[in-house]
Each structure stands twice: as C-alpha cells, then as structure tokens.
Amino acid sequence: MTLTPELFQRFIDLVYKKTGIMFEENKRYFVERRLIERIEQLELDSFRDYFFMLKYSNDTSELQEIINRLTINETYFFRDYPQLQGFAEAILPEVIRSKEAAGKRTLKIWSAGCATGEEPYTLAIILMEMIPNYEEWKIEIFGTDINTYVLDMARKGLYNSRSIKDVPFDYLERYFTKRGTMYAVNLNVKGMVKYQLLNLSEQKKCGEQQGYDFVFCRNVLIYFDTHSRFKVLDSFYHALLSGGIIYLGHSESVGRITEAFKMKRIKDNIYYYKP
C-alpha cells in the first residue's frame, strides 16, 4: 500500500482544515504509518477508501480518531525548568502581591495543548508551593487539547517514570503516590485542574475562554503555520485579563507573530503580557 503525493496532500489538507496543524513533507512517513495502522484495523483496501470515509462520513468520530493518532506529543513534568523557575520565583509572586493588595484572591490559568496533563499538574504543584494560603484562594487551572486520548490519560493522572524524571524528590514525596511502576498524582493536585476538549483553530469556541491571568501554550505553535499561529494568539489575547501573561515554548516567539502583546522584564525573566 503506497501513499501517493496527491493523497498525502489531501489527507494533510483535511487535517489542517480541521485543526490548523500543518504536516510538512518531512512528516510524510509518520503520517503514512499512522494511516496504515488505522486502515488495517478497519480492514479497508486503500488510502483512497479511508480518505473518502473521513471526508464524507456524517460521523465525525473517525476524523477525531485520526487526529488523535497524529497529535500525540511527548511531554513530562517540569519541562523547560528554567522558564518555570522564573514563573514561580519572579513573575508569580508579583501577581500574588498585586491581587492580595486588591483583595482579589483568584487565579485562573489556561494550559493550552496540555497533552497528557503533565503541564497543568506541574502548575498546580507550583501554586501549592508558592502560595502559602492557597486553600483560601479560588484557583482554576484548565487544561485543553484537541486529542481525546491524551485528555483521558490526563484525567487519570497516572504516569510512568519517564514523565516524572524531572520532578524534585521532595515534590514526588508530597504530591504523588507510587502504584507499582507508576506514579499517581494526589487528589489535592488533581482537584485543581479541569480538562476540556478544545480545538485551538476554532476561534468561536476559544472565545468562550475568558478571564485568565496566565496562558501557557508551550511547544504547541510549532505545529501551526503562520496564519494559524496568529489566530491562536488572537484567541489567547482575548482570553487574558489586562496584564495577563502568556508563555510559549523556548523556540516560539510572540513578537514574531503579533504586536498585540507587550514585552516586560522582571529580574532576568522576559515575558509577554496583554496591555
């Protein structure tokens, strides 16, 4: 079974139209293997048969299935530690002091493209560590992703040793419970995070996200083209409160995509915020 250039383009155009995610030619083998796995499971005869099933079926569950198979991205707790350290030690204390002074003990964070949940749970742990009276605050952390598989895994909160490799030992003792070879996130951490299926390319749905102090969308925009990145950042802009802060991955740049956000430095930490 061979995936012709024409059919490869039609498949990736279909996925792009739905998700905003662009698969370049160098991802062709990856896409082909995922398609073959599914075609064999469904006992179809060809790529063409599967394409027509995806494109013309009234049941969108199969399109969700292939999106799931094409958008599984590896992550782990405390990824990009220096950035998180800056957030925890420089940025977050400023925000907390400002809110305390205003008598507003509320904090709302969006982890966009949260995958299997390591990032939102990491953020929950950081907040529990950095806010001494966090129980007196209304803290909301929302994890969203386009992939239903990874959201199910995130809700379970059960991780292998690879996922927790960068968790400080004392945090591992306080916030996780060992279950055989796996590590379960404790209930007090899980209780701070809610998960939701959300397609970042659907601006109308993203427009329902409002009132955020922070948006974390790290190592996600690298999978989008320039047009889609602009749309996603526009959604984040409208989701943030005035003064709200956005975090992208180390290879991603807000300033190269839009001028809507302003840059600020606290100590050695540079970040972008909504003016």
Protein backbone atom coordinates (compact mmCIF):
# COMPACT_ATOMS: atom_id res chain seq x y z
CA MET A 1 0.00 0.00 0.00
CA THR A 2 1.57 3.28 -1.14
CA LEU A 3 0.54 6.79 -0.18
CA THR A 4 0.80 8.88 -3.34
CA PRO A 5 1.88 12.55 -3.14
CA GLU A 6 -1.63 13.57 -4.19
CA LEU A 7 -3.34 11.58 -1.43
CA PHE A 8 -0.79 12.65 1.18
CA GLN A 9 -1.65 16.26 0.35
CA ARG A 10 -5.37 15.58 0.54
CA PHE A 11 -5.04 13.92 3.94
CA ILE A 12 -2.94 16.69 5.44
CA ASP A 13 -5.22 19.36 3.94
CA LEU A 14 -8.18 17.67 5.60
CA VAL A 15 -6.41 17.61 8.98
CA TYR A 16 -5.22 21.21 8.53
CA LYS A 17 -8.71 22.44 7.75
CA LYS A 18 -9.99 20.86 10.96
CA THR A 19 -7.09 21.61 13.32
CA GLY A 20 -4.83 24.31 11.87
CA ILE A 21 -1.92 21.87 12.26
CA MET A 22 0.39 21.62 9.26
CA PHE A 23 2.27 18.42 8.40
CA GLU A 24 5.26 19.08 6.16
CA GLU A 25 6.82 16.63 3.70
CA ASN A 26 9.34 15.51 6.32
CA LYS A 27 6.42 14.12 8.36
CA ARG A 28 5.17 12.01 5.48
CA TYR A 29 6.47 8.70 6.84
CA PHE A 30 4.96 9.41 10.26
CA VAL A 31 1.57 10.25 8.71
CA GLU A 32 1.70 7.21 6.42
CA ARG A 33 2.41 4.78 9.27
CA ARG A 34 -0.46 6.16 11.37
CA LEU A 35 -2.84 5.91 8.42
CA ILE A 36 -1.78 2.35 7.59
CA GLU A 37 -2.33 1.24 11.20
CA ARG A 38 -5.88 2.54 11.10
CA ILE A 39 -6.67 1.27 7.59
CA GLU A 40 -5.59 -2.23 8.62
CA GLN A 41 -7.71 -2.08 11.78
CA LEU A 42 -10.75 -1.09 9.73
CA GLU A 43 -9.93 -3.74 7.09
CA LEU A 44 -10.13 -1.22 4.26
CA ASP A 45 -8.44 -1.77 0.91
CA SER A 46 -6.67 1.51 0.25
CA PHE A 47 -5.70 5.01 1.37
CA ARG A 48 -8.31 6.34 -1.02
CA ASP A 49 -11.11 4.37 0.65
CA TYR A 50 -10.07 5.73 4.02
CA PHE A 51 -9.83 9.29 2.75
CA PHE A 52 -13.39 9.17 1.41
CA MET A 53 -14.58 7.73 4.72
CA LEU A 54 -13.00 10.64 6.59
CA LYS A 55 -14.18 13.32 4.20
CA TYR A 56 -17.75 12.28 3.51
CA SER A 57 -18.96 10.35 6.55
CA ASN A 58 -21.61 12.09 8.67
CA ASP A 59 -19.97 10.50 11.70
CA THR A 60 -17.05 12.71 12.78
CA SER A 61 -15.70 10.17 15.27
CA GLU A 62 -13.31 8.67 12.72
CA LEU A 63 -11.83 12.07 11.92
CA GLN A 64 -11.30 12.53 15.67
CA GLU A 65 -9.64 9.11 15.75
CA ILE A 66 -7.03 10.01 13.15
CA ILE A 67 -6.48 13.43 14.74
CA ASN A 68 -5.77 11.57 17.99
CA ARG A 69 -3.22 9.37 16.24
CA LEU A 70 -1.47 12.29 14.56
CA THR A 71 -1.28 14.65 17.54
CA ILE A 72 0.26 12.63 20.37
CA ASN A 73 3.21 14.68 21.65
CA GLU A 74 5.56 13.59 24.40
CA THR A 75 5.84 15.78 27.46
CA TYR A 76 6.88 15.48 31.11
CA PHE A 77 6.60 17.22 34.47
CA PHE A 78 8.62 20.42 34.98
CA ARG A 79 9.54 20.62 31.30
CA ASP A 80 11.66 23.70 30.45
CA TYR A 81 12.51 24.08 34.13
CA PRO A 82 14.29 27.49 33.87
CA GLN A 83 11.15 29.07 32.44
CA LEU A 84 9.00 27.55 35.18
CA GLN A 85 11.51 28.67 37.80
CA GLY A 86 11.23 32.25 36.51
CA PHE A 87 7.44 31.98 36.62
CA ALA A 88 7.48 30.61 40.19
CA GLU A 89 10.15 32.84 41.72
CA ALA A 90 9.81 36.16 39.86
CA ILE A 91 6.51 36.52 37.99
CA LEU A 92 4.02 34.69 40.21
CA PRO A 93 4.97 36.48 43.47
CA GLU A 94 4.39 39.86 41.76
CA VAL A 95 0.95 38.75 40.59
CA ILE A 96 0.08 37.34 44.01
CA ARG A 97 1.12 40.55 45.79
CA SER A 98 -0.92 42.65 43.38
CA LYS A 99 -4.02 40.51 43.83
CA GLU A 100 -3.65 40.42 47.61
CA ALA A 101 -3.42 44.23 47.67
CA ALA A 102 -6.59 44.47 45.59
CA GLY A 103 -8.39 41.92 47.77
CA LYS A 104 -8.84 39.53 44.84
CA ARG A 105 -7.74 36.04 45.77
CA THR A 106 -8.50 34.49 42.40
CA LEU A 107 -6.10 32.95 39.91
CA LYS A 108 -7.01 31.43 36.56
CA ILE A 109 -4.57 29.60 34.28
CA TRP A 110 -5.08 28.03 30.85
CA SER A 111 -2.76 25.22 29.77
CA ALA A 112 -3.48 25.07 26.02
CA GLY A 113 -2.35 21.94 24.23
CA CYS A 114 -1.93 20.24 27.60
CA ALA A 115 -1.40 16.73 26.17
CA THR A 116 -1.37 14.09 28.93
CA GLY A 117 -1.62 16.64 31.74
CA GLU A 118 1.94 17.00 33.00
CA GLU A 119 1.99 20.77 32.47
CA PRO A 120 -1.26 21.70 34.27
CA TYR A 121 -0.39 19.39 37.17
CA THR A 122 3.08 20.95 37.32
CA LEU A 123 1.48 24.39 37.52
CA ALA A 124 -0.83 23.19 40.30
CA ILE A 125 2.17 21.95 42.29
CA ILE A 126 3.98 25.26 41.79
CA LEU A 127 0.96 27.22 43.04
CA MET A 128 0.63 24.99 46.09
CA GLU A 129 4.31 25.55 46.85
CA MET A 130 4.40 29.30 46.22
CA ILE A 131 1.09 30.45 47.74
CA PRO A 132 1.24 29.73 51.49
CA ASN A 133 -2.52 30.12 51.99
CA TYR A 134 -3.55 28.70 48.61
CA GLU A 135 -6.60 26.99 50.18
CA GLU A 136 -8.07 30.47 50.73
CA TRP A 137 -7.79 31.30 47.04
CA LYS A 138 -10.11 30.46 44.18
CA ILE A 139 -7.63 28.79 41.84
CA GLU A 140 -8.72 27.44 38.45
CA ILE A 141 -6.42 25.61 36.07
CA PHE A 142 -7.89 24.50 32.75
CA GLY A 143 -6.12 22.01 30.51
CA THR A 144 -7.33 21.80 26.91
CA ASP A 145 -6.31 19.66 23.97
CA ILE A 146 -7.65 18.52 20.62
CA ASN A 147 -6.83 14.89 21.39
CA THR A 148 -9.39 12.85 23.34
CA TYR A 149 -6.88 10.06 24.07
CA VAL A 150 -4.46 12.31 25.92
CA LEU A 151 -7.24 14.06 27.83
CA ASP A 152 -8.42 10.70 29.16
CA MET A 153 -4.87 9.98 30.32
CA ALA A 154 -4.61 13.42 31.93
CA ARG A 155 -7.80 12.88 33.90
CA LYS A 156 -6.45 9.57 35.23
CA GLY A 157 -3.29 11.31 36.45
CA LEU A 158 -1.15 8.15 36.29
CA TYR A 159 2.41 8.47 34.95
CA ASN A 160 5.48 6.38 34.23
CA SER A 161 9.00 7.05 35.46
CA ARG A 162 9.91 8.93 32.28
CA SER A 163 7.19 11.52 32.85
CA ILE A 164 8.29 12.25 36.43
CA LYS A 165 12.07 12.17 35.80
CA ASP A 166 12.47 15.94 36.45
CA VAL A 167 10.19 16.17 39.48
CA PRO A 168 12.21 17.21 42.56
CA PHE A 169 12.36 14.34 45.06
CA ASP A 170 10.53 16.20 47.84
CA TYR A 171 7.72 17.10 45.42
CA LEU A 172 7.50 13.46 44.38
CA GLU A 173 7.06 12.52 48.03
CA ARG A 174 4.41 15.19 48.68
CA TYR A 175 2.32 15.20 45.54
CA PHE A 176 2.50 11.66 44.10
CA THR A 177 1.66 8.14 45.26
CA LYS A 178 3.61 5.16 43.90
CA ARG A 179 1.42 2.46 42.36
CA GLY A 180 3.58 -0.41 41.18
CA THR A 181 5.83 1.04 38.49
CA MET A 182 3.59 4.09 38.02
CA TYR A 183 3.09 7.36 39.88
CA ALA A 184 -0.38 8.74 40.62
CA VAL A 185 -0.96 12.46 41.11
CA ASN A 186 -2.50 13.04 44.53
CA LEU A 187 -6.12 14.16 44.75
CA ASN A 188 -5.31 17.63 46.08
CA VAL A 189 -3.34 18.30 42.88
CA LYS A 190 -5.91 16.69 40.57
CA GLY A 191 -8.68 18.71 42.18
CA MET A 192 -7.15 21.97 40.98
CA VAL A 193 -7.27 21.03 37.28
CA LYS A 194 -10.19 20.63 34.89
CA TYR A 195 -9.84 19.25 31.37
CA GLN A 196 -11.75 20.07 28.21
CA LEU A 197 -11.64 19.06 24.55
CA LEU A 198 -10.84 22.22 22.58
CA ASN A 199 -9.60 22.88 19.06
CA LEU A 200 -7.35 25.96 19.13
CA SER A 201 -8.15 26.71 15.49
CA GLU A 202 -11.84 27.22 16.33
CA GLN A 203 -11.86 30.86 17.38
CA LYS A 204 -15.54 30.87 18.31
CA LYS A 205 -15.04 28.06 20.83
CA CYS A 206 -11.81 29.62 22.10
CA GLY A 207 -13.70 32.88 22.52
CA GLU A 208 -15.61 31.25 25.36
CA GLN A 209 -12.36 31.19 27.35
CA GLN A 210 -12.26 34.39 29.40
CA GLY A 211 -10.69 35.96 32.48
CA TYR A 212 -7.27 34.28 32.53
CA ASP A 213 -4.25 35.56 34.44
CA PHE A 214 -1.87 33.23 32.58
CA VAL A 215 -1.91 31.26 29.36
CA PHE A 216 0.67 28.52 28.88
CA CYS A 217 0.93 27.25 25.30
CA ARG A 218 4.41 25.80 25.17
CA ASN A 219 5.76 23.79 22.25
CA VAL A 220 2.37 23.79 20.53
CA LEU A 221 2.52 26.61 17.97
CA ILE A 222 5.49 24.94 16.25
CA TYR A 223 2.92 22.62 14.65
CA PHE A 224 0.90 25.51 13.17
CA ASP A 225 1.53 27.67 10.12
CA THR A 226 1.84 31.46 10.40
CA HIS A 227 -1.84 32.16 9.73
CA SER A 228 -3.00 29.63 12.33
CA ARG A 229 -0.49 30.93 14.90
CA PHE A 230 -1.88 34.44 14.54
CA LYS A 231 -5.44 33.20 15.05
CA VAL A 232 -4.46 31.22 18.14
CA LEU A 233 -2.58 34.14 19.70
CA ASP A 234 -5.55 36.39 18.98
CA SER A 235 -7.72 33.95 20.95
CA PHE A 236 -5.23 34.00 23.82
CA TYR A 237 -5.19 37.80 23.78
CA HIS A 238 -8.95 37.94 24.25
CA ALA A 239 -8.88 35.19 26.88
CA LEU A 240 -6.42 37.08 29.09
CA LEU A 241 -7.26 39.78 31.58
CA SER A 242 -5.49 43.11 31.14
CA GLY A 243 -1.97 42.49 32.41
CA GLY A 244 -2.35 38.75 31.83
CA ILE A 245 0.77 36.89 30.81
CA ILE A 246 1.42 34.39 28.02
CA TYR A 247 4.13 31.72 27.98
CA LEU A 248 5.25 29.97 24.80
CA GLY A 249 7.98 27.38 24.22
CA HIS A 250 11.63 28.42 24.06
CA SER A 251 11.69 28.16 20.23
CA GLU A 252 8.45 30.12 19.81
CA SER A 253 8.16 33.91 19.76
CA VAL A 254 5.10 36.05 20.42
CA GLY A 255 6.76 39.12 18.89
CA ARG A 256 7.36 37.45 15.54
CA ILE A 257 3.65 36.64 15.19
CA THR A 258 1.75 39.63 16.59
CA GLU A 259 2.38 43.07 18.07
CA ALA A 260 -0.68 42.87 20.33
CA PHE A 261 1.34 41.82 23.38
CA LYS A 262 3.95 43.93 25.16
CA MET A 263 7.28 42.70 26.49
CA LYS A 264 8.44 43.20 30.07
CA ARG A 265 11.41 42.09 32.16
CA ILE A 266 11.38 41.17 35.85
CA LYS A 267 14.91 40.41 37.04
CA ASP A 268 16.28 38.11 34.32
CA ASN A 269 12.86 36.98 33.11
CA ILE A 270 11.41 38.34 29.87
CA TYR A 271 7.74 37.72 29.25
CA TYR A 272 4.83 39.00 27.16
CA TYR A 273 1.63 40.42 28.61
CA LYS A 274 -1.67 41.89 27.46
CA PRO A 275 -1.57 45.69 27.99
